[in-house]
């Protein structure tokens, strides 16, 4: 009789243990659901020291990009979470109705013109539309302007990214910029 009770106890423990293992495989306690990124546009610039400028922009009637708010800046040391949060904030600001002239933008950044500002900087363009995030690395031209390295979107991701994932994707694209 005692052997039957002990056998049932071991069997129940074994079944409980197997069910518990299966449940743990399906749960991901460290995966945090992120809020979708706001529709918008930002240009992200990084200089040789690692300083990052995020410039929110929107398009005018002629489909020309214009800064829609003052740039956001972060200097090293920073975390990937803080960089991702800064990019998120830039996307929110890009829907702003105001438009800065190139002169106003350069004054805010402390430079005379784009050629002076862009010297030694790499750039990535990020657009969020229709639940997708499109990234393009760029090539700096001699006049200080930037052009996409490829025609169309270089990388397209879903709009639900953590701040760390967003930062990683942008930093990987910056490595491709010339």
Protein backbone atom coordinates (compact mmCIF):
# COMPACT_ATOMS: atom_id res chain seq x y z
CA UNK A 1 0.00 0.00 0.00
CA UNK A 2 2.77 2.45 0.88
CA UNK A 3 4.46 1.66 -2.45
CA UNK A 4 1.31 2.60 -4.34
CA UNK A 5 1.04 5.95 -2.49
CA UNK A 6 4.75 6.65 -3.07
CA UNK A 7 4.39 5.73 -6.77
CA UNK A 8 1.38 8.04 -7.17
CA UNK A 9 3.26 10.84 -5.42
CA UNK A 10 6.25 10.43 -7.78
CA UNK A 11 3.92 10.27 -10.82
CA UNK A 12 2.06 13.44 -9.78
CA UNK A 13 5.38 15.24 -9.11
CA UNK A 14 6.74 14.14 -12.51
CA UNK A 15 3.61 15.36 -14.37
CA UNK A 16 3.71 18.68 -12.49
CA UNK A 17 7.41 19.10 -13.36
CA UNK A 18 6.84 18.46 -17.10
CA UNK A 19 3.88 20.85 -17.26
CA UNK A 20 5.90 23.54 -15.46
CA UNK A 21 8.78 23.21 -17.95
CA UNK A 22 6.42 23.57 -20.92
CA UNK A 23 4.78 26.66 -19.40
CA UNK A 24 8.17 28.33 -18.85
CA UNK A 25 9.15 27.81 -22.49
CA UNK A 26 6.11 29.79 -23.64
CA UNK A 27 6.50 32.68 -21.20
CA UNK A 28 9.01 35.44 -21.82
CA UNK A 29 9.25 37.54 -18.68
CA UNK A 30 11.93 39.88 -20.06
CA UNK A 31 10.14 40.78 -23.28
CA UNK A 32 8.43 44.11 -22.71
CA UNK A 33 5.71 45.18 -25.12
CA UNK A 34 6.64 48.56 -26.55
CA UNK A 35 4.29 51.25 -27.68
CA UNK A 36 4.22 51.75 -31.44
CA UNK A 37 6.41 54.53 -32.78
CA UNK A 38 4.67 57.75 -33.74
CA UNK A 39 4.36 58.48 -37.46
CA UNK A 40 7.00 61.02 -38.43
CA UNK A 41 10.46 61.73 -39.79
CA UNK A 42 13.84 62.37 -38.20
CA UNK A 43 17.36 62.81 -39.43
CA UNK A 44 19.95 61.43 -37.04
CA UNK A 45 23.52 62.73 -37.12
CA UNK A 46 26.54 61.37 -35.26
CA UNK A 47 29.93 63.04 -35.05
CA UNK A 48 33.33 61.43 -34.37
CA UNK A 49 32.95 61.89 -30.60
CA UNK A 50 29.65 59.96 -30.58
CA UNK A 51 27.42 63.01 -30.03
CA UNK A 52 24.00 62.40 -31.58
CA UNK A 53 21.68 65.07 -32.96
CA UNK A 54 18.10 64.10 -33.79
CA UNK A 55 16.42 66.62 -36.09
CA UNK A 56 12.64 66.17 -36.47
CA UNK A 57 11.33 67.22 -39.88
CA UNK A 58 8.26 67.21 -42.05
CA UNK A 59 7.68 67.88 -45.73
CA UNK A 60 6.41 71.11 -47.21
CA UNK A 61 4.06 71.33 -50.22
CA UNK A 62 7.01 70.87 -52.59
CA UNK A 63 7.99 67.65 -50.77
CA UNK A 64 11.12 69.28 -49.35
CA UNK A 65 12.14 68.32 -45.84
CA UNK A 66 12.09 71.16 -43.30
CA UNK A 67 13.05 70.98 -39.64
CA UNK A 68 9.79 71.01 -37.70
CA UNK A 69 11.30 71.63 -34.31
CA UNK A 70 14.60 72.29 -32.60
CA UNK A 71 17.10 69.43 -32.63
CA UNK A 72 17.49 67.03 -29.72
CA UNK A 73 21.05 66.23 -28.66
CA UNK A 74 22.65 63.56 -26.51
CA UNK A 75 26.34 63.19 -25.66
CA UNK A 76 28.31 60.20 -24.44
CA UNK A 77 28.05 58.43 -22.09
CA UNK A 78 24.50 57.40 -22.94
CA UNK A 79 22.50 54.20 -22.87
CA UNK A 80 20.75 52.60 -25.82
CA UNK A 81 17.47 53.13 -24.00
CA UNK A 82 18.09 56.90 -23.77
CA UNK A 83 19.05 57.15 -27.47
CA UNK A 84 15.93 55.20 -28.46
CA UNK A 85 13.78 57.44 -26.26
CA UNK A 86 15.33 60.54 -27.87
CA UNK A 87 14.49 59.23 -31.35
CA UNK A 88 10.91 58.51 -30.21
CA UNK A 89 10.64 62.09 -28.93
CA UNK A 90 11.96 63.40 -32.26
CA UNK A 91 9.29 61.45 -34.15
CA UNK A 92 6.60 63.01 -31.94
CA UNK A 93 7.98 66.50 -32.57
CA UNK A 94 8.10 66.01 -36.35
CA UNK A 95 4.34 66.43 -36.62
CA UNK A 96 4.69 69.98 -35.29
CA UNK A 97 3.17 72.56 -37.63
CA UNK A 98 6.01 75.04 -37.27
CA UNK A 99 8.89 75.01 -39.69
CA UNK A 100 12.43 76.21 -39.03
CA UNK A 101 14.45 77.86 -41.74
CA UNK A 102 17.87 76.42 -42.49
CA UNK A 103 19.39 79.55 -40.93
CA UNK A 104 17.40 79.11 -37.67
CA UNK A 105 18.37 75.44 -37.50
CA UNK A 106 22.07 76.17 -38.04
CA UNK A 107 22.02 78.94 -35.43
CA UNK A 108 20.50 76.48 -32.93
CA UNK A 109 23.19 73.92 -33.74
CA UNK A 110 25.94 76.56 -33.50
CA UNK A 111 27.09 76.41 -37.13
CA UNK A 112 27.11 78.75 -40.11
CA UNK A 113 25.75 76.39 -42.78
CA UNK A 114 25.12 72.71 -43.64
CA UNK A 115 28.58 72.23 -45.11
CA UNK A 116 30.17 73.36 -41.85
CA UNK A 117 27.72 71.35 -39.69
CA UNK A 118 27.91 68.10 -41.65
CA UNK A 119 31.70 67.93 -41.76
CA UNK A 120 32.77 64.68 -40.11
CA UNK A 121 29.21 63.56 -39.38
CA UNK A 122 27.37 60.46 -40.52
CA UNK A 123 23.63 60.53 -41.02
CA UNK A 124 20.63 58.20 -41.06
CA UNK A 125 17.12 59.06 -42.14
CA UNK A 126 14.26 57.40 -40.25
CA UNK A 127 10.63 57.52 -41.36
CA UNK A 128 7.73 55.89 -39.55
CA UNK A 129 4.52 55.40 -41.56
CA UNK A 130 1.79 52.77 -41.80
CA UNK A 131 3.12 50.69 -38.89
CA UNK A 132 6.59 50.44 -40.47
CA UNK A 133 9.92 52.07 -39.73
CA UNK A 134 12.07 52.78 -42.78
CA UNK A 135 15.79 53.48 -42.36
CA UNK A 136 18.27 54.83 -44.90
CA UNK A 137 21.98 55.35 -44.47
CA UNK A 138 23.45 58.27 -46.40
CA UNK A 139 26.43 59.55 -48.32
CA UNK A 140 27.73 63.04 -47.53
CA UNK A 141 28.22 65.19 -50.62
CA UNK A 142 30.94 67.83 -50.97
CA UNK A 143 28.40 70.66 -50.57
CA UNK A 144 27.43 69.30 -47.11
CA UNK A 145 24.13 67.76 -48.18
CA UNK A 146 23.31 64.07 -47.82
CA UNK A 147 21.87 61.56 -50.27
CA UNK A 148 20.50 58.07 -49.62
CA UNK A 149 22.97 55.29 -50.33
CA UNK A 150 20.30 53.22 -52.06
CA UNK A 151 17.12 54.01 -53.96
CA UNK A 152 14.00 53.27 -51.91
CA UNK A 153 14.11 52.15 -48.31
CA UNK A 154 17.28 50.39 -47.22
CA UNK A 155 15.74 48.66 -44.19
CA UNK A 156 12.10 48.32 -43.14
CA UNK A 157 11.07 47.17 -39.65
CA UNK A 158 7.80 46.88 -37.73
CA UNK A 159 6.94 49.98 -35.69
CA UNK A 160 6.88 48.10 -32.38
CA UNK A 161 10.50 48.31 -31.28
CA UNK A 162 11.99 48.74 -27.84
CA UNK A 163 14.23 51.76 -27.33
CA UNK A 164 17.27 49.44 -27.26
CA UNK A 165 16.26 47.78 -30.57
CA UNK A 166 15.60 51.17 -32.16
CA UNK A 167 19.03 52.44 -31.06
CA UNK A 168 20.78 49.27 -32.31
CA UNK A 169 19.16 49.55 -35.74
CA UNK A 170 20.09 53.24 -36.08
CA UNK A 171 23.70 52.69 -34.93
CA UNK A 172 24.06 49.79 -37.41
CA UNK A 173 22.82 52.04 -40.22
CA UNK A 174 25.20 54.83 -39.16
CA UNK A 175 28.09 52.37 -39.64
CA UNK A 176 27.00 52.04 -43.29
CA UNK A 177 26.90 55.81 -43.87
CA UNK A 178 29.78 57.43 -45.69
